[in-house]
PDB file of N, CA and C in Angstrom:
ATOM      1  N   MET A   1      -0.478  20.071   7.276  1.00  0.00           N
ATOM      2  CA  MET A   1       0.402  19.113   6.630  1.00  0.00           C
ATOM      3  C   MET A   1       1.647  19.853   6.141  1.00  0.00           C
ATOM      4  N   PRO A   2       2.837  19.338   6.454  1.00  0.00           N
ATOM      5  CA  PRO A   2       4.073  19.986   5.992  1.00  0.00           C
ATOM      6  C   PRO A   2       4.148  20.042   4.467  1.00  0.00           C
ATOM      7  N   GLN A   3       4.820  21.050   3.961  1.00  0.00           N
ATOM      8  CA  GLN A   3       4.924  21.245   2.514  1.00  0.00           C
ATOM      9  C   GLN A   3       5.806  20.199   1.836  1.00  0.00           C
ATOM     10  N   TRP A   4       6.608  19.478   2.584  1.00  0.00           N
ATOM     11  CA  TRP A   4       7.502  18.481   1.989  1.00  0.00           C
ATOM     12  C   TRP A   4       6.846  17.116   1.894  1.00  0.00           C
ATOM     13  N   LEU A   5       5.555  17.020   2.232  1.00  0.00           N
ATOM     14  CA  LEU A   5       4.823  15.753   2.128  1.00  0.00           C
ATOM     15  C   LEU A   5       3.639  15.892   1.178  1.00  0.00           C
ATOM     16  N   ASN A   6       3.272  14.790   0.600  1.00  0.00           N
ATOM     17  CA  ASN A   6       2.097  14.711  -0.245  1.00  0.00           C
ATOM     18  C   ASN A   6       0.976  14.050   0.566  1.00  0.00           C
ATOM     19  N   LYS A   7      -0.222  14.621   0.528  1.00  0.00           N
ATOM     20  CA  LYS A   7      -1.337  14.102   1.335  1.00  0.00           C
ATOM     21  C   LYS A   7      -1.720  12.684   0.944  1.00  0.00           C
ATOM     22  N   LYS A   8      -1.727  12.397  -0.347  1.00  0.00           N
ATOM     23  CA  LYS A   8      -2.064  11.036  -0.788  1.00  0.00           C
ATOM     24  C   LYS A   8      -1.022  10.027  -0.314  1.00  0.00           C
ATOM     25  N   ALA A   9       0.237  10.417  -0.350  1.00  0.00           N
ATOM     26  CA  ALA A   9       1.296   9.520   0.100  1.00  0.00           C
ATOM     27  C   ALA A   9       1.180   9.254   1.601  1.00  0.00           C
ATOM     28  N   VAL A  10       0.818  10.272   2.380  1.00  0.00           N
ATOM     29  CA  VAL A  10       0.642  10.089   3.821  1.00  0.00           C
ATOM     30  C   VAL A  10      -0.535   9.166   4.089  1.00  0.00           C
ATOM     31  N   LEU A  11      -1.632   9.328   3.363  1.00  0.00           N
ATOM     32  CA  LEU A  11      -2.794   8.450   3.559  1.00  0.00           C
ATOM     33  C   LEU A  11      -2.469   6.996   3.222  1.00  0.00           C
ATOM     34  N   ILE A  12      -1.689   6.789   2.196  1.00  0.00           N
ATOM     35  CA  ILE A  12      -1.262   5.426   1.866  1.00  0.00           C
ATOM     36  C   ILE A  12      -0.399   4.873   2.994  1.00  0.00           C
ATOM     37  N   GLY A  13       0.503   5.690   3.514  1.00  0.00           N
ATOM     38  CA  GLY A  13       1.342   5.266   4.637  1.00  0.00           C
ATOM     39  C   GLY A  13       0.546   4.980   5.892  1.00  0.00           C
ATOM     40  N   VAL A  14      -0.481   5.784   6.171  1.00  0.00           N
ATOM     41  CA  VAL A  14      -1.348   5.543   7.330  1.00  0.00           C
ATOM     42  C   VAL A  14      -2.065   4.210   7.181  1.00  0.00           C
ATOM     43  N   PHE A  15      -2.558   3.940   5.991  1.00  0.00           N
ATOM     44  CA  PHE A  15      -3.263   2.685   5.755  1.00  0.00           C
ATOM     45  C   PHE A  15      -2.349   1.491   5.993  1.00  0.00           C
ATOM     46  N   PHE A  16      -1.171   1.509   5.386  1.00  0.00           N
ATOM     47  CA  PHE A  16      -0.258   0.371   5.532  1.00  0.00           C
ATOM     48  C   PHE A  16       0.337   0.288   6.931  1.00  0.00           C
ATOM     49  N   GLY A  17       0.572   1.415   7.582  1.00  0.00           N
ATOM     50  CA  GLY A  17       1.084   1.400   8.945  1.00  0.00           C
ATOM     51  C   GLY A  17       0.072   0.827   9.927  1.00  0.00           C
ATOM     52  N   GLY A  18      -1.182   1.223   9.780  1.00  0.00           N
ATOM     53  CA  GLY A  18      -2.223   0.676  10.644  1.00  0.00           C
ATOM     54  C   GLY A  18      -2.534  -0.761  10.327  1.00  0.00           C
ATOM     55  N   TYR A  19      -2.548  -1.104   9.057  1.00  0.00           N
ATOM     56  CA  TYR A  19      -2.837  -2.478   8.641  1.00  0.00           C
ATOM     57  C   TYR A  19      -1.753  -3.441   9.111  1.00  0.00           C
ATOM     58  N   GLY A  20      -0.523  -2.991   9.085  1.00  0.00           N
ATOM     59  CA  GLY A  20       0.584  -3.843   9.527  1.00  0.00           C
ATOM     60  C   GLY A  20       0.511  -4.164  11.009  1.00  0.00           C
ATOM     61  N   ASN A  21      -0.071  -3.291  11.799  1.00  0.00           N
ATOM     62  CA  ASN A  21      -0.183  -3.512  13.238  1.00  0.00           C
ATOM     63  C   ASN A  21      -1.538  -4.078  13.640  1.00  0.00           C
ATOM     64  N   PHE A  22      -2.432  -4.278  12.703  1.00  0.00           N
ATOM     65  CA  PHE A  22      -3.753  -4.778  13.048  1.00  0.00           C
ATOM     66  C   PHE A  22      -3.681  -6.188  13.617  1.00  0.00           C
ATOM     67  N   ASN A  23      -2.709  -6.980  13.191  1.00  0.00           N
ATOM     68  CA  ASN A  23      -2.553  -8.329  13.725  1.00  0.00           C
ATOM     69  C   ASN A  23      -2.269  -8.298  15.221  1.00  0.00           C
ATOM     70  N   SER A  24      -1.482  -7.332  15.681  1.00  0.00           N
ATOM     71  CA  SER A  24      -1.215  -7.221  17.118  1.00  0.00           C
ATOM     72  C   SER A  24      -2.476  -6.847  17.884  1.00  0.00           C
ATOM     73  N   LEU A  25      -3.362  -6.114  17.248  1.00  0.00           N
ATOM     74  CA  LEU A  25      -4.621  -5.749  17.901  1.00  0.00           C
ATOM     75  C   LEU A  25      -5.497  -6.969  18.113  1.00  0.00           C
ATOM     76  N   SER A  26      -5.609  -7.813  17.122  1.00  0.00           N
ATOM     77  CA  SER A  26      -6.468  -8.989  17.254  1.00  0.00           C
ATOM     78  C   SER A  26      -5.863 -10.041  18.186  1.00  0.00           C
ATOM     79  N   THR A  27      -4.542 -10.127  18.238  1.00  0.00           N
ATOM     80  CA  THR A  27      -3.932 -11.109  19.138  1.00  0.00           C
ATOM     81  C   THR A  27      -3.925 -10.644  20.592  1.00  0.00           C
ATOM     82  N   SER A  28      -4.016  -9.335  20.827  1.00  0.00           N
ATOM     83  CA  SER A  28      -4.021  -8.840  22.202  1.00  0.00           C
ATOM     84  C   SER A  28      -5.420  -8.797  22.792  1.00  0.00           C
ATOM     85  N   GLY A  29      -6.410  -9.223  22.044  1.00  0.00           N
ATOM     86  CA  GLY A  29      -7.777  -9.208  22.553  1.00  0.00           C
ATOM     87  C   GLY A  29      -8.388  -7.824  22.533  1.00  0.00           C
ATOM     88  N   TYR A  30      -7.970  -6.990  21.612  1.00  0.00           N
ATOM     89  CA  TYR A  30      -8.495  -5.631  21.455  1.00  0.00           C
ATOM     90  C   TYR A  30      -8.316  -4.805  22.729  1.00  0.00           C
ATOM     91  N   SER A  31      -7.167  -4.937  23.344  1.00  0.00           N
ATOM     92  CA  SER A  31      -6.853  -4.192  24.555  1.00  0.00           C
ATOM     93  C   SER A  31      -6.375  -2.786  24.193  1.00  0.00           C
ATOM     94  N   THR A  32      -6.157  -1.982  25.214  1.00  0.00           N
ATOM     95  CA  THR A  32      -5.672  -0.624  25.007  1.00  0.00           C
ATOM     96  C   THR A  32      -4.285  -0.631  24.369  1.00  0.00           C
ATOM     97  N   GLU A  33      -3.463  -1.572  24.785  1.00  0.00           N
ATOM     98  CA  GLU A  33      -2.115  -1.668  24.222  1.00  0.00           C
ATOM     99  C   GLU A  33      -2.169  -1.955  22.721  1.00  0.00           C
ATOM    100  N   GLY A  34      -3.091  -2.804  22.304  1.00  0.00           N
ATOM    101  CA  GLY A  34      -3.244  -3.093  20.882  1.00  0.00           C
ATOM    102  C   GLY A  34      -3.697  -1.881  20.092  1.00  0.00           C
ATOM    103  N   TRP A  35      -4.656  -1.127  20.635  1.00  0.00           N
ATOM    104  CA  TRP A  35      -5.136   0.080  19.951  1.00  0.00           C
ATOM    105  C   TRP A  35      -4.042   1.140  19.853  1.00  0.00           C
ATOM    106  N   VAL A  36      -3.278   1.292  20.927  1.00  0.00           N
ATOM    107  CA  VAL A  36      -2.178   2.257  20.898  1.00  0.00           C
ATOM    108  C   VAL A  36      -1.158   1.862  19.840  1.00  0.00           C
ATOM    109  N   GLY A  37      -0.885   0.573  19.724  1.00  0.00           N
ATOM    110  CA  GLY A  37       0.049   0.099  18.702  1.00  0.00           C
ATOM    111  C   GLY A  37      -0.435   0.393  17.296  1.00  0.00           C
ATOM    112  N   VAL A  38      -1.720   0.209  17.060  1.00  0.00           N
ATOM    113  CA  VAL A  38      -2.271   0.494  15.729  1.00  0.00           C
ATOM    114  C   VAL A  38      -2.211   1.985  15.429  1.00  0.00           C
ATOM    115  N   ILE A  39      -2.581   2.812  16.408  1.00  0.00           N
ATOM    116  CA  ILE A  39      -2.583   4.266  16.175  1.00  0.00           C
ATOM    117  C   ILE A  39      -1.168   4.797  15.983  1.00  0.00           C
ATOM    118  N   VAL A  40      -0.242   4.374  16.826  1.00  0.00           N
ATOM    119  CA  VAL A  40       1.149   4.830  16.685  1.00  0.00           C
ATOM    120  C   VAL A  40       1.744   4.317  15.378  1.00  0.00           C
ATOM    121  N   GLY A  41       1.458   3.074  15.040  1.00  0.00           N
ATOM    122  CA  GLY A  41       1.947   2.526  13.778  1.00  0.00           C
ATOM    123  C   GLY A  41       1.406   3.282  12.583  1.00  0.00           C
ATOM    124  N   ALA A  42       0.133   3.681  12.655  1.00  0.00           N
ATOM    125  CA  ALA A  42      -0.467   4.440  11.554  1.00  0.00           C
ATOM    126  C   ALA A  42       0.173   5.820  11.433  1.00  0.00           C
ATOM    127  N   LEU A  43       0.398   6.485  12.553  1.00  0.00           N
ATOM    128  CA  LEU A  43       1.013   7.820  12.496  1.00  0.00           C
ATOM    129  C   LEU A  43       2.457   7.770  12.014  1.00  0.00           C
ATOM    130  N   VAL A  44       3.231   6.870  12.585  1.00  0.00           N
ATOM    131  CA  VAL A  44       4.637   6.759  12.185  1.00  0.00           C
ATOM    132  C   VAL A  44       4.736   6.269  10.738  1.00  0.00           C
ATOM    133  N   GLY A  45       3.932   5.274  10.399  1.00  0.00           N
ATOM    134  CA  GLY A  45       3.934   4.773   9.020  1.00  0.00           C
ATOM    135  C   GLY A  45       3.481   5.819   8.026  1.00  0.00           C
ATOM    136  N   GLY A  46       2.508   6.636   8.427  1.00  0.00           N
ATOM    137  CA  GLY A  46       2.032   7.699   7.539  1.00  0.00           C
ATOM    138  C   GLY A  46       3.110   8.701   7.201  1.00  0.00           C
ATOM    139  N   PHE A  47       3.810   9.163   8.231  1.00  0.00           N
ATOM    140  CA  PHE A  47       4.866  10.140   7.969  1.00  0.00           C
ATOM    141  C   PHE A  47       6.069   9.509   7.282  1.00  0.00           C
ATOM    142  N   PHE A  48       6.441   8.289   7.688  1.00  0.00           N
ATOM    143  CA  PHE A  48       7.601   7.656   7.064  1.00  0.00           C
ATOM    144  C   PHE A  48       7.332   7.332   5.603  1.00  0.00           C
ATOM    145  N   TRP A  49       6.264   6.594   5.304  1.00  0.00           N
ATOM    146  CA  TRP A  49       5.985   6.223   3.927  1.00  0.00           C
ATOM    147  C   TRP A  49       5.549   7.427   3.096  1.00  0.00           C
ATOM    148  N   GLY A  50       4.928   8.405   3.735  1.00  0.00           N
ATOM    149  CA  GLY A  50       4.622   9.649   3.017  1.00  0.00           C
ATOM    150  C   GLY A  50       5.880  10.342   2.558  1.00  0.00           C
ATOM    151  N   TRP A  51       6.878  10.380   3.438  1.00  0.00           N
ATOM    152  CA  TRP A  51       8.150  10.989   3.063  1.00  0.00           C
ATOM    153  C   TRP A  51       8.842  10.175   1.984  1.00  0.00           C
ATOM    154  N   VAL A  52       8.869   8.844   2.119  1.00  0.00           N
ATOM    155  CA  VAL A  52       9.542   7.990   1.141  1.00  0.00           C
ATOM    156  C   VAL A  52       8.896   8.146  -0.230  1.00  0.00           C
ATOM    157  N   LEU A  53       7.580   8.088  -0.288  1.00  0.00           N
ATOM    158  CA  LEU A  53       6.909   8.209  -1.584  1.00  0.00           C
ATOM    159  C   LEU A  53       7.070   9.602  -2.179  1.00  0.00           C
ATOM    160  N   THR A  54       7.008  10.636  -1.350  1.00  0.00           N
ATOM    161  CA  THR A  54       7.183  12.002  -1.853  1.00  0.00           C
ATOM    162  C   THR A  54       8.608  12.233  -2.331  1.00  0.00           C
ATOM    163  N   LYS A  55       9.568  11.680  -1.617  1.00  0.00           N
ATOM    164  CA  LYS A  55      10.982  11.894  -1.951  1.00  0.00           C
ATOM    165  C   LYS A  55      11.413  11.106  -3.188  1.00  0.00           C
ATOM    166  N   PHE A  56      10.983   9.850  -3.291  1.00  0.00           N
ATOM    167  CA  PHE A  56      11.528   8.976  -4.325  1.00  0.00           C
ATOM    168  C   PHE A  56      10.582   8.711  -5.501  1.00  0.00           C
ATOM    169  N   VAL A  57       9.341   9.124  -5.394  1.00  0.00           N
ATOM    170  CA  VAL A  57       8.400   8.968  -6.515  1.00  0.00           C
ATOM    171  C   VAL A  57       7.665  10.304  -6.714  1.00  0.00           C
ATOM    172  N   PRO A  58       8.403  11.380  -6.989  1.00  0.00           N
ATOM    173  CA  PRO A  58       7.757  12.695  -7.089  1.00  0.00           C
ATOM    174  C   PRO A  58       6.857  12.841  -8.314  1.00  0.00           C
ATOM    175  N   LYS A  59       6.998  11.934  -9.266  1.00  0.00           N
ATOM    176  CA  LYS A  59       6.143  12.014 -10.452  1.00  0.00           C
ATOM    177  C   LYS A  59       4.679  11.772 -10.059  1.00  0.00           C
ATOM    178  N   TRP A  60       4.447  10.827  -9.161  1.00  0.00           N
ATOM    179  CA  TRP A  60       3.089  10.494  -8.761  1.00  0.00           C
ATOM    180  C   TRP A  60       2.662  11.174  -7.469  1.00  0.00           C
ATOM    181  N   PHE A  61       3.644  11.563  -6.649  1.00  0.00           N
ATOM    182  CA  PHE A  61       3.359  12.185  -5.357  1.00  0.00           C
ATOM    183  C   PHE A  61       4.180  13.472  -5.218  1.00  0.00           C
ATOM    184  N   PRO A  62       3.813  14.535  -5.907  1.00  0.00           N
ATOM    185  CA  PRO A  62       4.593  15.776  -5.801  1.00  0.00           C
ATOM    186  C   PRO A  62       4.432  16.407  -4.418  1.00  0.00           C
ATOM    187  N   ALA A  63       5.479  17.019  -3.908  1.00  0.00           N
ATOM    188  CA  ALA A  63       5.460  17.629  -2.578  1.00  0.00           C
ATOM    189  C   ALA A  63       4.486  18.791  -2.545  1.00  0.00           C
ATOM    190  N   GLY A  64       3.824  18.950  -1.416  1.00  0.00           N
ATOM    191  CA  GLY A  64       2.935  20.083  -1.208  1.00  0.00           C
ATOM    192  C   GLY A  64       1.515  19.903  -1.706  1.00  0.00           C
ATOM    193  N   GLU A  65       1.202  18.804  -2.306  1.00  0.00           N
ATOM    194  CA  GLU A  65      -0.173  18.591  -2.802  1.00  0.00           C
ATOM    195  C   GLU A  65      -0.963  17.752  -1.855  1.00  0.00           C
TER     196      GLU A  65
END
């Protein structure tokens, strides 16, 4: 994990990134495309929201922890 991210913030981002794309998984009939969307959404959401929370809320999500 990079030192400029907080692990808890990344986990929160992974949860919301995957949850946001879960609707596409259920509407696609649980196809490979739906699973790829959930996994990519979780990874991108994890790093994006992890960075946002670490950068703008350092009191609760200090970098490197």
